[in-house]
Amino acid sequence: MRNIKYLVVLITAILLSNCSKDENLVPLTQNETNDLKFLREEEKLARDVYMYNFNKYQTTIFNDISQSEQKHMDAILKMLNKYGVPDSASSQIGVFNNQDLQLLYNNLTSQADISLIEALKVGATIEDLDINDIDDFIINTSKQDLLKVYGNLTCGSKNHIRSFTSQLTTNSSSYIPQFITLEEYNIIISGTNGSCGNN
């Protein structure tokens, strides 16, 4: 009987502790909500394009990085769930609720159709855009959990753009950044890959 009473007290304490954490959770601002919902679909765009490219060219880099992008999507979904924000991403490959991202997906896959070199440039373009966008999203929050996720995703995108650049160099081609500065790009590609919180 004493063990049962102890168990009841322990469970009650855990439940109260969880309730307390939820009550102390500072709600997202509208900017933070918008950023997370956009980023969830932007990471999906990366995953879906890389899946498309792998299916077309059977080149390992696209398969490997698409799996990493799935982890990025999962990390954003975890934040959306934590703050009670409905997931805005479609479960269908190549389908996006954000019409700008839908148009971008259509354009990038059309470019990737041209050749393997263009598909690798598409990969670099996506990572270039991701880094630039997350830099903007970082400015919109002071929440440590969001900043940690953003930091991990940026780290991952830097790893990915290094990989795509390396493949382009191997194929006697190159990439010119369109969103981040050339100086930032050169600093990134001269660096070494990080673990990025296993993302």
N, C-alpha and C. Protein backbone atom coordinates (compact mmCIF):
# COMPACT_ATOMS: atom_id res chain seq x y z
N MET A 1 0.84 -1.21 0.00
CA MET A 1 0.00 0.00 0.00
C MET A 1 0.87 1.25 0.00
N ARG A 2 1.96 1.20 0.76
CA ARG A 2 2.85 2.36 0.85
C ARG A 2 3.46 2.65 -0.53
N ASN A 3 3.82 1.58 -1.25
CA ASN A 3 4.40 1.75 -2.58
C ASN A 3 3.40 2.38 -3.55
N ILE A 4 2.13 1.99 -3.44
CA ILE A 4 1.09 2.54 -4.30
C ILE A 4 0.91 4.03 -4.03
N LYS A 5 0.90 4.40 -2.74
CA LYS A 5 0.76 5.82 -2.37
C LYS A 5 1.94 6.63 -2.91
N TYR A 6 3.13 6.04 -2.80
CA TYR A 6 4.33 6.72 -3.29
C TYR A 6 4.25 6.92 -4.80
N LEU A 7 3.76 5.89 -5.51
CA LEU A 7 3.63 5.96 -6.96
C LEU A 7 2.63 7.04 -7.37
N VAL A 8 1.51 7.13 -6.65
CA VAL A 8 0.50 8.14 -6.93
C VAL A 8 1.07 9.54 -6.74
N VAL A 9 1.82 9.73 -5.66
CA VAL A 9 2.44 11.03 -5.38
C VAL A 9 3.44 11.39 -6.47
N LEU A 10 4.23 10.39 -6.90
CA LEU A 10 5.24 10.62 -7.93
C LEU A 10 4.61 11.02 -9.26
N ILE A 11 3.57 10.29 -9.66
CA ILE A 11 2.88 10.59 -10.92
C ILE A 11 2.25 11.97 -10.88
N THR A 12 1.62 12.30 -9.73
CA THR A 12 1.01 13.61 -9.56
C THR A 12 2.04 14.73 -9.69
N ALA A 13 3.21 14.50 -9.09
CA ALA A 13 4.29 15.50 -9.15
C ALA A 13 4.76 15.71 -10.59
N ILE A 14 4.88 14.60 -11.33
CA ILE A 14 5.32 14.69 -12.73
C ILE A 14 4.31 15.46 -13.56
N LEU A 15 3.02 15.14 -13.36
CA LEU A 15 1.97 15.81 -14.11
C LEU A 15 1.93 17.30 -13.80
N LEU A 16 2.06 17.64 -12.53
CA LEU A 16 2.07 19.05 -12.14
C LEU A 16 3.28 19.76 -12.72
N SER A 17 4.40 19.07 -12.76
CA SER A 17 5.62 19.64 -13.32
C SER A 17 5.44 19.94 -14.80
N ASN A 18 4.82 19.00 -15.52
CA ASN A 18 4.58 19.20 -16.95
C ASN A 18 3.61 20.35 -17.20
N CYS A 19 2.59 20.44 -16.38
CA CYS A 19 1.61 21.53 -16.51
C CYS A 19 2.29 22.87 -16.28
N SER A 20 3.18 22.88 -15.28
CA SER A 20 3.88 24.11 -14.94
C SER A 20 4.74 24.58 -16.12
N LYS A 21 5.41 23.60 -16.79
CA LYS A 21 6.25 23.95 -17.93
C LYS A 21 5.41 24.54 -19.06
N ASP A 22 4.25 23.95 -19.32
CA ASP A 22 3.37 24.44 -20.38
C ASP A 22 2.87 25.84 -20.07
N GLU A 23 2.54 26.07 -18.79
CA GLU A 23 2.03 27.38 -18.40
C GLU A 23 3.10 28.46 -18.54
N ASN A 24 4.36 28.07 -18.36
CA ASN A 24 5.45 29.04 -18.42
C ASN A 24 5.99 29.23 -19.84
N LEU A 25 5.45 28.48 -20.80
CA LEU A 25 5.90 28.58 -22.18
C LEU A 25 5.40 29.90 -22.77
N VAL A 26 6.35 30.73 -23.18
CA VAL A 26 6.00 32.02 -23.78
C VAL A 26 5.52 31.77 -25.21
N PRO A 27 4.30 32.19 -25.54
CA PRO A 27 3.76 31.93 -26.89
C PRO A 27 4.63 32.54 -27.97
N LEU A 28 4.55 31.97 -29.15
CA LEU A 28 5.27 32.52 -30.29
C LEU A 28 4.68 33.85 -30.71
N THR A 29 5.53 34.75 -31.18
CA THR A 29 5.04 35.96 -31.82
C THR A 29 4.53 35.58 -33.22
N GLN A 30 3.84 36.50 -33.86
CA GLN A 30 3.36 36.21 -35.21
C GLN A 30 4.52 35.99 -36.17
N ASN A 31 5.58 36.78 -36.02
CA ASN A 31 6.76 36.60 -36.87
C ASN A 31 7.39 35.23 -36.67
N GLU A 32 7.50 34.80 -35.41
CA GLU A 32 8.09 33.48 -35.13
C GLU A 32 7.23 32.37 -35.72
N THR A 33 5.92 32.51 -35.60
CA THR A 33 5.00 31.52 -36.17
C THR A 33 5.14 31.46 -37.69
N ASN A 34 5.15 32.63 -38.31
CA ASN A 34 5.28 32.69 -39.77
C ASN A 34 6.61 32.08 -40.23
N ASP A 35 7.66 32.39 -39.50
CA ASP A 35 9.00 31.88 -39.87
C ASP A 35 9.05 30.36 -39.78
N LEU A 36 8.51 29.80 -38.71
CA LEU A 36 8.53 28.34 -38.54
C LEU A 36 7.71 27.64 -39.63
N LYS A 37 6.55 28.18 -39.91
CA LYS A 37 5.68 27.56 -40.92
C LYS A 37 6.33 27.64 -42.30
N PHE A 38 6.96 28.76 -42.59
CA PHE A 38 7.65 28.91 -43.88
C PHE A 38 8.84 27.95 -43.95
N LEU A 39 9.61 27.90 -42.86
CA LEU A 39 10.82 27.08 -42.85
C LEU A 39 10.49 25.59 -42.95
N ARG A 40 9.38 25.20 -42.36
CA ARG A 40 8.93 23.80 -42.47
C ARG A 40 8.75 23.43 -43.95
N GLU A 41 8.12 24.31 -44.72
CA GLU A 41 7.91 24.04 -46.14
C GLU A 41 9.19 24.24 -46.96
N GLU A 42 10.04 25.16 -46.53
CA GLU A 42 11.30 25.38 -47.25
C GLU A 42 12.22 24.16 -47.13
N GLU A 43 12.25 23.56 -45.94
CA GLU A 43 13.04 22.34 -45.76
C GLU A 43 12.41 21.18 -46.55
N LYS A 44 11.10 21.17 -46.65
CA LYS A 44 10.41 20.17 -47.47
C LYS A 44 10.77 20.36 -48.94
N LEU A 45 10.84 21.61 -49.39
CA LEU A 45 11.24 21.89 -50.76
C LEU A 45 12.62 21.29 -51.04
N ALA A 46 13.56 21.50 -50.12
CA ALA A 46 14.90 20.94 -50.28
C ALA A 46 14.83 19.41 -50.38
N ARG A 47 14.12 18.80 -49.45
CA ARG A 47 14.00 17.33 -49.47
C ARG A 47 13.38 16.83 -50.77
N ASP A 48 12.28 17.46 -51.19
CA ASP A 48 11.55 16.99 -52.37
C ASP A 48 12.37 17.17 -53.65
N VAL A 49 13.08 18.29 -53.77
CA VAL A 49 13.91 18.52 -54.95
C VAL A 49 15.04 17.50 -55.00
N TYR A 50 15.66 17.22 -53.85
CA TYR A 50 16.76 16.27 -53.83
C TYR A 50 16.27 14.85 -54.13
N MET A 51 15.08 14.52 -53.67
CA MET A 51 14.50 13.23 -54.02
C MET A 51 14.25 13.14 -55.53
N TYR A 52 13.75 14.24 -56.10
CA TYR A 52 13.52 14.32 -57.54
C TYR A 52 14.84 14.12 -58.30
N ASN A 53 15.88 14.82 -57.83
CA ASN A 53 17.18 14.75 -58.50
C ASN A 53 17.80 13.35 -58.38
N PHE A 54 17.63 12.74 -57.22
CA PHE A 54 18.18 11.38 -57.05
C PHE A 54 17.47 10.40 -57.97
N ASN A 55 16.16 10.51 -58.07
CA ASN A 55 15.41 9.63 -58.95
C ASN A 55 15.85 9.78 -60.40
N LYS A 56 16.25 10.99 -60.78
CA LYS A 56 16.64 11.25 -62.17
C LYS A 56 18.07 10.82 -62.45
N TYR A 57 19.00 11.12 -61.51
CA TYR A 57 20.42 10.91 -61.79
C TYR A 57 21.06 9.78 -60.98
N GLN A 58 20.36 9.29 -59.95
CA GLN A 58 20.90 8.21 -59.11
C GLN A 58 22.27 8.56 -58.52
N THR A 59 22.45 9.84 -58.21
CA THR A 59 23.71 10.31 -57.62
C THR A 59 23.55 10.39 -56.10
N THR A 60 24.48 9.74 -55.40
CA THR A 60 24.35 9.52 -53.95
C THR A 60 24.14 10.79 -53.16
N ILE A 61 24.78 11.88 -53.56
CA ILE A 61 24.70 13.12 -52.78
C ILE A 61 23.26 13.56 -52.57
N PHE A 62 22.42 13.37 -53.57
CA PHE A 62 21.02 13.81 -53.46
C PHE A 62 20.24 12.94 -52.46
N ASN A 63 20.51 11.67 -52.47
CA ASN A 63 19.84 10.77 -51.52
C ASN A 63 20.27 11.07 -50.09
N ASP A 64 21.57 11.24 -49.89
CA ASP A 64 22.11 11.50 -48.55
C ASP A 64 21.55 12.80 -47.98
N ILE A 65 21.57 13.85 -48.79
CA ILE A 65 21.15 15.16 -48.28
C ILE A 65 19.63 15.24 -48.14
N SER A 66 18.89 14.50 -48.96
CA SER A 66 17.43 14.49 -48.79
C SER A 66 17.06 13.90 -47.42
N GLN A 67 17.83 12.91 -46.96
CA GLN A 67 17.58 12.34 -45.64
C GLN A 67 17.89 13.34 -44.53
N SER A 68 18.93 14.12 -44.75
CA SER A 68 19.25 15.18 -43.79
C SER A 68 18.14 16.23 -43.75
N GLU A 69 17.59 16.56 -44.91
CA GLU A 69 16.51 17.54 -44.96
C GLU A 69 15.26 17.03 -44.25
N GLN A 70 15.03 15.72 -44.28
CA GLN A 70 13.91 15.15 -43.53
C GLN A 70 14.10 15.40 -42.03
N LYS A 71 15.33 15.28 -41.55
CA LYS A 71 15.62 15.58 -40.15
C LYS A 71 15.37 17.05 -39.84
N HIS A 72 15.69 17.91 -40.79
CA HIS A 72 15.43 19.34 -40.62
C HIS A 72 13.93 19.59 -40.51
N MET A 73 13.17 18.95 -41.39
CA MET A 73 11.71 19.07 -41.34
C MET A 73 11.18 18.61 -39.99
N ASP A 74 11.71 17.49 -39.49
CA ASP A 74 11.27 16.94 -38.20
C ASP A 74 11.58 17.90 -37.05
N ALA A 75 12.74 18.55 -37.13
CA ALA A 75 13.14 19.49 -36.07
C ALA A 75 12.18 20.68 -36.02
N ILE A 76 11.79 21.18 -37.19
CA ILE A 76 10.84 22.29 -37.24
C ILE A 76 9.47 21.84 -36.76
N LEU A 77 9.05 20.64 -37.16
CA LEU A 77 7.75 20.12 -36.72
C LEU A 77 7.70 19.99 -35.20
N LYS A 78 8.81 19.60 -34.62
CA LYS A 78 8.88 19.48 -33.15
C LYS A 78 8.61 20.83 -32.50
N MET A 79 9.14 21.90 -33.08
CA MET A 79 8.90 23.24 -32.54
C MET A 79 7.44 23.66 -32.74
N LEU A 80 6.90 23.36 -33.90
CA LEU A 80 5.49 23.69 -34.16
C LEU A 80 4.59 22.97 -33.15
N ASN A 81 4.86 21.71 -32.93
CA ASN A 81 4.06 20.94 -31.96
C ASN A 81 4.22 21.47 -30.54
N LYS A 82 5.44 21.84 -30.20
CA LYS A 82 5.71 22.36 -28.86
C LYS A 82 4.87 23.60 -28.57
N TYR A 83 4.72 24.46 -29.58
CA TYR A 83 4.00 25.72 -29.39
C TYR A 83 2.55 25.67 -29.88
N GLY A 84 2.10 24.47 -30.23
CA GLY A 84 0.70 24.31 -30.61
C GLY A 84 0.32 24.95 -31.92
N VAL A 85 1.28 24.99 -32.86
CA VAL A 85 1.01 25.58 -34.18
C VAL A 85 0.73 24.46 -35.18
N PRO A 86 -0.40 24.49 -35.89
CA PRO A 86 -0.71 23.44 -36.86
C PRO A 86 0.35 23.36 -37.96
N ASP A 87 0.66 22.15 -38.39
CA ASP A 87 1.63 21.95 -39.46
C ASP A 87 1.02 22.37 -40.79
N SER A 88 1.71 23.23 -41.52
CA SER A 88 1.17 23.75 -42.77
C SER A 88 1.68 22.98 -43.99
N ALA A 89 2.58 22.02 -43.78
CA ALA A 89 3.20 21.33 -44.90
C ALA A 89 2.32 20.19 -45.43
N SER A 90 2.26 20.07 -46.74
CA SER A 90 1.53 18.98 -47.38
C SER A 90 2.31 17.68 -47.24
N SER A 91 1.60 16.57 -47.18
CA SER A 91 2.26 15.26 -47.12
C SER A 91 2.63 14.75 -48.51
N GLN A 92 2.20 15.46 -49.55
CA GLN A 92 2.47 15.06 -50.93
C GLN A 92 3.81 15.61 -51.41
N ILE A 93 4.59 14.77 -52.06
CA ILE A 93 5.87 15.19 -52.62
C ILE A 93 5.63 16.22 -53.72
N GLY A 94 6.37 17.34 -53.66
CA GLY A 94 6.27 18.35 -54.71
C GLY A 94 5.06 19.25 -54.63
N VAL A 95 4.32 19.18 -53.51
CA VAL A 95 3.13 20.02 -53.34
C VAL A 95 3.34 20.93 -52.14
N PHE A 96 3.09 22.24 -52.33
CA PHE A 96 3.35 23.23 -51.30
C PHE A 96 2.16 24.18 -51.15
N ASN A 97 1.83 24.49 -49.91
CA ASN A 97 0.75 25.44 -49.64
C ASN A 97 1.21 26.87 -49.92
N ASN A 98 2.50 27.13 -49.69
CA ASN A 98 3.06 28.44 -50.00
C ASN A 98 3.31 28.50 -51.51
N GLN A 99 2.63 29.39 -52.19
CA GLN A 99 2.69 29.43 -53.66
C GLN A 99 4.05 29.88 -54.18
N ASP A 100 4.76 30.70 -53.41
CA ASP A 100 6.12 31.09 -53.82
C ASP A 100 7.03 29.87 -53.83
N LEU A 101 6.89 29.01 -52.81
CA LEU A 101 7.71 27.80 -52.74
C LEU A 101 7.27 26.80 -53.81
N GLN A 102 5.97 26.77 -54.14
CA GLN A 102 5.51 25.88 -55.20
C GLN A 102 6.14 26.28 -56.54
N LEU A 103 6.14 27.59 -56.81
CA LEU A 103 6.75 28.09 -58.05
C LEU A 103 8.25 27.80 -58.06
N LEU A 104 8.90 27.98 -56.92
CA LEU A 104 10.33 27.73 -56.82
C LEU A 104 10.64 26.25 -57.07
N TYR A 105 9.83 25.37 -56.50
CA TYR A 105 10.00 23.93 -56.72
C TYR A 105 9.88 23.61 -58.21
N ASN A 106 8.88 24.15 -58.84
CA ASN A 106 8.67 23.90 -60.27
C ASN A 106 9.87 24.37 -61.09
N ASN A 107 10.36 25.56 -60.77
CA ASN A 107 11.49 26.13 -61.51
C ASN A 107 12.78 25.35 -61.27
N LEU A 108 13.00 24.96 -60.02
CA LEU A 108 14.25 24.25 -59.69
C LEU A 108 14.29 22.85 -60.29
N THR A 109 13.18 22.17 -60.28
CA THR A 109 13.16 20.83 -60.89
C THR A 109 13.29 20.92 -62.41
N SER A 110 12.75 21.98 -63.00
CA SER A 110 12.93 22.20 -64.45
C SER A 110 14.41 22.45 -64.77
N GLN A 111 15.06 23.23 -63.93
CA GLN A 111 16.50 23.47 -64.12
C GLN A 111 17.28 22.18 -63.95
N ALA A 112 16.93 21.40 -62.94
CA ALA A 112 17.63 20.14 -62.67
C ALA A 112 17.48 19.15 -63.81
N ASP A 113 16.39 19.25 -64.56
CA ASP A 113 16.16 18.36 -65.70
C ASP A 113 17.20 18.52 -66.80
N ILE A 114 17.84 19.70 -66.85
CA ILE A 114 18.76 20.01 -67.95
C ILE A 114 19.98 19.09 -67.94
N SER A 115 20.59 18.93 -66.74
CA SER A 115 21.80 18.11 -66.64
C SER A 115 22.15 17.88 -65.18
N LEU A 116 23.06 16.95 -64.93
CA LEU A 116 23.53 16.71 -63.57
C LEU A 116 24.20 17.96 -63.00
N ILE A 117 24.97 18.65 -63.83
CA ILE A 117 25.64 19.89 -63.37
C ILE A 117 24.60 20.89 -62.89
N GLU A 118 23.52 21.07 -63.66
CA GLU A 118 22.48 22.01 -63.26
C GLU A 118 21.77 21.54 -61.99
N ALA A 119 21.62 20.24 -61.83
CA ALA A 119 21.00 19.69 -60.61
C ALA A 119 21.87 19.98 -59.39
N LEU A 120 23.18 19.89 -59.56
CA LEU A 120 24.10 20.22 -58.46
C LEU A 120 24.05 21.72 -58.14
N LYS A 121 23.92 22.55 -59.17
CA LYS A 121 23.77 23.99 -58.95
C LYS A 121 22.46 24.30 -58.24
N VAL A 122 21.41 23.55 -58.57
CA VAL A 122 20.13 23.69 -57.87
C VAL A 122 20.32 23.40 -56.39
N GLY A 123 21.07 22.35 -56.07
CA GLY A 123 21.34 22.02 -54.68
C GLY A 123 22.04 23.15 -53.95
N ALA A 124 23.06 23.72 -54.58
CA ALA A 124 23.78 24.84 -53.98
C ALA A 124 22.87 26.05 -53.80
N THR A 125 21.98 26.27 -54.78
CA THR A 125 21.05 27.39 -54.72
C THR A 125 20.11 27.25 -53.52
N ILE A 126 19.59 26.05 -53.31
CA ILE A 126 18.66 25.81 -52.19
C ILE A 126 19.35 26.08 -50.86
N GLU A 127 20.58 25.60 -50.72
CA GLU A 127 21.30 25.79 -49.44
C GLU A 127 21.67 27.25 -49.25
N ASP A 128 22.03 27.91 -50.31
CA ASP A 128 22.31 29.35 -50.30
C ASP A 128 21.08 30.11 -49.79
N LEU A 129 19.92 29.78 -50.33
CA LEU A 129 18.67 30.43 -49.92
C LEU A 129 18.34 30.12 -48.46
N ASP A 130 18.51 28.88 -48.06
CA ASP A 130 18.22 28.48 -46.67
C ASP A 130 19.05 29.28 -45.67
N ILE A 131 20.35 29.36 -45.94
CA ILE A 131 21.24 30.10 -45.03
C ILE A 131 20.79 31.55 -44.91
N ASN A 132 20.48 32.16 -46.05
CA ASN A 132 20.05 33.56 -46.05
C ASN A 132 18.75 33.75 -45.28
N ASP A 133 17.78 32.87 -45.51
CA ASP A 133 16.48 33.00 -44.84
C ASP A 133 16.60 32.79 -43.34
N ILE A 134 17.35 31.78 -42.94
CA ILE A 134 17.48 31.51 -41.50
C ILE A 134 18.20 32.66 -40.80
N ASP A 135 19.14 33.29 -41.48
CA ASP A 135 19.79 34.49 -40.91
C ASP A 135 18.74 35.54 -40.57
N ASP A 136 17.73 35.70 -41.45
CA ASP A 136 16.65 36.66 -41.20
C ASP A 136 15.76 36.20 -40.04
N PHE A 137 15.50 34.90 -39.97
CA PHE A 137 14.62 34.37 -38.93
C PHE A 137 15.26 34.50 -37.55
N ILE A 138 16.57 34.38 -37.49
CA ILE A 138 17.29 34.50 -36.22
C ILE A 138 17.06 35.88 -35.61
N ILE A 139 16.96 36.89 -36.46
CA ILE A 139 16.74 38.26 -35.98
C ILE A 139 15.37 38.41 -35.33
N ASN A 140 14.42 37.57 -35.73
CA ASN A 140 13.03 37.70 -35.28
C ASN A 140 12.72 37.00 -33.96
N THR A 141 13.73 36.39 -33.32
CA THR A 141 13.43 35.67 -32.08
C THR A 141 14.56 35.81 -31.06
N SER A 142 14.18 35.65 -29.80
CA SER A 142 15.16 35.55 -28.71
C SER A 142 15.00 34.23 -27.97
N LYS A 143 14.10 33.37 -28.47
CA LYS A 143 13.83 32.09 -27.82
C LYS A 143 14.99 31.13 -28.06
N GLN A 144 15.55 30.60 -26.97
CA GLN A 144 16.74 29.77 -27.08
C GLN A 144 16.48 28.46 -27.83
N ASP A 145 15.27 27.90 -27.68
CA ASP A 145 14.98 26.64 -28.39
C ASP A 145 14.94 26.86 -29.90
N LEU A 146 14.35 27.97 -30.33
CA LEU A 146 14.31 28.28 -31.75
C LEU A 146 15.70 28.59 -32.29
N LEU A 147 16.47 29.35 -31.51
CA LEU A 147 17.82 29.72 -31.94
C LEU A 147 18.71 28.48 -32.08
N LYS A 148 18.51 27.52 -31.19
CA LYS A 148 19.29 26.28 -31.27
C LYS A 148 18.96 25.52 -32.54
N VAL A 149 17.67 25.39 -32.84
CA VAL A 149 17.25 24.70 -34.07
C VAL A 149 17.75 25.45 -35.30
N TYR A 150 17.61 26.77 -35.31
CA TYR A 150 18.08 27.56 -36.44
C TYR A 150 19.58 27.38 -36.64
N GLY A 151 20.31 27.36 -35.54
CA GLY A 151 21.77 27.18 -35.61
C GLY A 151 22.13 25.83 -36.20
N ASN A 152 21.44 24.78 -35.78
CA ASN A 152 21.70 23.45 -36.32
C ASN A 152 21.38 23.36 -37.81
N LEU A 153 20.27 24.00 -38.20
CA LEU A 153 19.87 23.97 -39.61
C LEU A 153 20.86 24.76 -40.48
N THR A 154 21.33 25.89 -39.98
CA THR A 154 22.32 26.67 -40.72
C THR A 154 23.61 25.88 -40.88
N CYS A 155 24.01 25.23 -39.81
CA CYS A 155 25.22 24.39 -39.85
C CYS A 155 25.06 23.30 -40.91
N GLY A 156 23.88 22.66 -40.94
CA GLY A 156 23.62 21.62 -41.94
C GLY A 156 23.67 22.16 -43.35
N SER A 157 23.07 23.34 -43.55
CA SER A 157 23.06 23.94 -44.89
C SER A 157 24.48 24.29 -45.35
N LYS A 158 25.31 24.71 -44.42
CA LYS A 158 26.71 25.01 -44.77
C LYS A 158 27.43 23.73 -45.18
N ASN A 159 27.19 22.64 -44.45
CA ASN A 159 27.77 21.35 -44.85
C ASN A 159 27.32 20.97 -46.26
N HIS A 160 26.02 21.17 -46.53
CA HIS A 160 25.46 20.77 -47.81
C HIS A 160 26.01 21.61 -48.96
N ILE A 161 26.12 22.91 -48.75
CA ILE A 161 26.62 23.76 -49.84
C ILE A 161 28.09 23.45 -50.13
N ARG A 162 28.83 23.05 -49.09
CA ARG A 162 30.22 22.61 -49.31
C ARG A 162 30.23 21.35 -50.18
N SER A 163 29.32 20.43 -49.89
CA SER A 163 29.26 19.17 -50.65
C SER A 163 28.90 19.41 -52.11
N PHE A 164 27.90 20.26 -52.34
CA PHE A 164 27.50 20.56 -53.72
C PHE A 164 28.62 21.29 -54.47
N THR A 165 29.28 22.21 -53.80
CA THR A 165 30.38 22.94 -54.41
C THR A 165 31.51 21.99 -54.77
N SER A 166 31.81 21.06 -53.89
CA SER A 166 32.86 20.08 -54.14
C SER A 166 32.53 19.23 -55.37
N GLN A 167 31.28 18.80 -55.48
CA GLN A 167 30.86 18.00 -56.63
C GLN A 167 30.94 18.81 -57.93
N LEU A 168 30.58 20.08 -57.85
CA LEU A 168 30.67 20.95 -59.02
C LEU A 168 32.12 21.12 -59.45
N THR A 169 33.01 21.31 -58.49
CA THR A 169 34.43 21.46 -58.79
C THR A 169 34.97 20.20 -59.45
N THR A 170 34.57 19.06 -58.93
CA THR A 170 34.98 17.77 -59.51
C THR A 170 34.53 17.65 -60.96
N ASN A 171 33.38 18.27 -61.26
CA ASN A 171 32.83 18.23 -62.61
C ASN A 171 33.20 19.47 -63.44
N SER A 172 34.30 20.13 -63.02
CA SER A 172 34.83 21.30 -63.74
C SER A 172 33.80 22.42 -63.89
N SER A 173 33.01 22.62 -62.84
CA SER A 173 32.03 23.69 -62.84
C SER A 173 32.11 24.45 -61.52
N SER A 174 31.24 25.43 -61.33
CA SER A 174 31.28 26.24 -60.12
C SER A 174 29.89 26.80 -59.83
N TYR A 175 29.75 27.39 -58.64
CA TYR A 175 28.49 28.01 -58.24
C TYR A 175 28.75 29.44 -57.81
N ILE A 176 27.90 30.35 -58.26
CA ILE A 176 27.98 31.76 -57.84
C ILE A 176 26.79 32.03 -56.92
N PRO A 177 27.03 32.42 -55.66
CA PRO A 177 25.93 32.63 -54.71
C PRO A 177 24.96 33.71 -55.18
N GLN A 178 23.68 33.46 -54.92
CA GLN A 178 22.62 34.37 -55.33
C GLN A 178 21.96 35.10 -54.16
N PHE A 179 22.15 34.57 -52.95
CA PHE A 179 21.44 35.14 -51.79
C PHE A 179 22.40 35.62 -50.71
N ILE A 180 23.32 34.78 -50.29
CA ILE A 180 24.36 35.25 -49.37
C ILE A 180 25.44 35.96 -50.19
N THR A 181 26.31 36.69 -49.51
CA THR A 181 27.37 37.40 -50.22
C THR A 181 28.46 36.43 -50.67
N LEU A 182 29.21 36.84 -51.67
CA LEU A 182 30.32 36.03 -52.15
C LEU A 182 31.35 35.83 -51.04
N GLU A 183 31.55 36.86 -50.24
CA GLU A 183 32.49 36.76 -49.12
C GLU A 183 32.05 35.68 -48.12
N GLU A 184 30.76 35.70 -47.77
CA GLU A 184 30.24 34.70 -46.83
C GLU A 184 30.34 33.30 -47.43
N TYR A 185 30.03 33.19 -48.71
CA TYR A 185 30.11 31.90 -49.40
C TYR A 185 31.53 31.35 -49.37
N ASN A 186 32.51 32.19 -49.66
CA ASN A 186 33.91 31.75 -49.67
C ASN A 186 34.37 31.32 -48.29
N ILE A 187 33.89 32.01 -47.26
CA ILE A 187 34.23 31.63 -45.89
C ILE A 187 33.65 30.26 -45.57
N ILE A 188 32.40 30.04 -46.01
CA ILE A 188 31.73 28.76 -45.75
C ILE A 188 32.46 27.61 -46.43
N ILE A 189 32.76 27.75 -47.72
CA ILE A 189 33.33 26.62 -48.44
C ILE A 189 34.79 26.36 -48.06
N SER A 190 35.42 27.34 -47.44
CA SER A 190 36.81 27.12 -46.97
C SER A 190 36.82 26.50 -45.57
N GLY A 191 35.65 26.39 -44.95
CA GLY A 191 35.55 25.82 -43.62
C GLY A 191 35.41 24.30 -43.66
N THR A 192 35.29 23.70 -42.46
CA THR A 192 35.14 22.25 -42.37
C THR A 192 33.73 21.93 -41.86
N ASN A 193 33.27 20.73 -42.17
CA ASN A 193 31.93 20.33 -41.78
C ASN A 193 31.79 20.16 -40.28
N GLY A 194 30.60 20.54 -39.78
CA GLY A 194 30.30 20.39 -38.36
C GLY A 194 29.30 19.27 -38.15
N SER A 195 29.12 18.87 -36.89
CA SER A 195 28.16 17.79 -36.58
C SER A 195 26.73 18.29 -36.59
N CYS A 196 26.52 19.58 -36.28
CA CYS A 196 25.22 20.24 -36.44
C CYS A 196 24.10 19.58 -35.63
N GLY A 197 24.38 19.12 -34.44
CA GLY A 197 23.36 18.48 -33.63
C GLY A 197 22.78 17.25 -34.31
N ASN A 198 23.65 16.55 -35.09
CA ASN A 198 23.26 15.34 -35.83
C ASN A 198 22.22 15.63 -36.91
N ASN A 199 22.13 16.88 -37.35
CA ASN A 199 21.25 17.23 -38.48
C ASN A 199 22.06 17.34 -39.75
